[in-house]
Amino acid sequence: DAGADAVYFGFSTASNLRNFKGINFSYEDACLGVDYLHKTGKKALVTVNSYPQKHQIAPCYEAVDQAAAMLADGVVLSDLGLLEYAKDNYPELEIYLSVQAGVCHREAISFYAREFGVSCVILPRVLTLKEIERLSMEADIPLEVFGFGSLCINYEGKCHLSSYVTGESTNTIGTCSTPRYLTFHRGESVVARINGKAINSFSYDEIKKDGHFSEGLPKEELSQWGNHFMINRRQLCKAKYRLNGLNGGRSFQLNDYVYLNALAILPELIRLGISAIKIEGRQRNAAYVSDITTIFREAIDLCYSAQQDYSEREAWGGLCRRQFPGIVPSTTCYLGK
């Protein structure tokens, strides 16, 4: 209804990342959604993008089976075994290579297309425009990029720090070390530990001395310290970065406070031949997904109607950056006239 060309979503099982209570779909609800999408001429894509451990393989196979049974248009996959399963059993399903595969060169794209019949590759979020341009020139299949959502300094699917420190891998549960592992300890500086392992330290010049910390106890409500330093308690492993000229040169915890927003470069992405813009939706509420999709639909249409004069509109400036829980999908807007 907000102008997306496709909706991608996961089931409430271990078959997809961010498999947290209350934010994914039952099979019955998904069937209703797929029916509605098809009645409105839009695509439905089922996400099965985790790297399953042995005990998680069965629900992943079942998710692919269910995607075919509900007549979804395609599946979004990353694991090699699941790619082979979908190709061998459901040739009618389009296969989209998940961003979790971390594909960033021509040889890998050719391999997935040749071996598994992948019809589209979703590129890592950390690629530069120059890298995207090169891949677009070399690839023989459509490429998609994320246009709005969270941004991490690591390639999706290739970071193992969280699993090393806590045993919880972002490649199997969809999030980095969770707040329950985080504690703070006072000394000559404030030391942040994840599961007892020191991961970062902060001088008292960086933080306010106002009793935010209790020795050894997690403070999940802590979101920022003073005016000079911000911290994301969920992704502490990303360290701290001072961004000169941005917000007075304050330091940011990268993954939480720097968001991916491709509105300003939409004409360039169209010129490079990118086929679609993806918008993150899970862990956010339906109003958020609808608002952001509406903005990108308007922006893409504007690019094609007045590409030479395209500029971000002032009304788009208030994009919501908070993450809200909710049973919502994510969306895709195709780049094409």
Foldseek 3Di string as FASTA:
>chain_A
DLAFQEFEFEACALQAAQNDPFAGHHLVVVLVVCVVQVVVNHAYEYEREFADDPVRVVVNLVRLVSCVVSPGQAYEYAYPVSLVSCQVPPVNHAYEHHQLNQDQDQVVLVVCCVPRVHQEYEHWAQDDLVSLLVNLVRHPHAYEYAAWDWDAPDRHNPDCPQCVQPVDGCRRHVFGQAQVQWAWADDCWIFIDGVNHTQDTDHCVQFPPPPPHDHGDGDQVDAQGPQAEGADSRPCNSPWDQDPPPSNRHIYSRRQPDIRHCLACVLVCVVSPHWKYKYDDAQAEPVLQSVVSNQVSVSLVCCVVPVVPRDDDPVCVVRDRDGHHHHGIIGMHTRDD
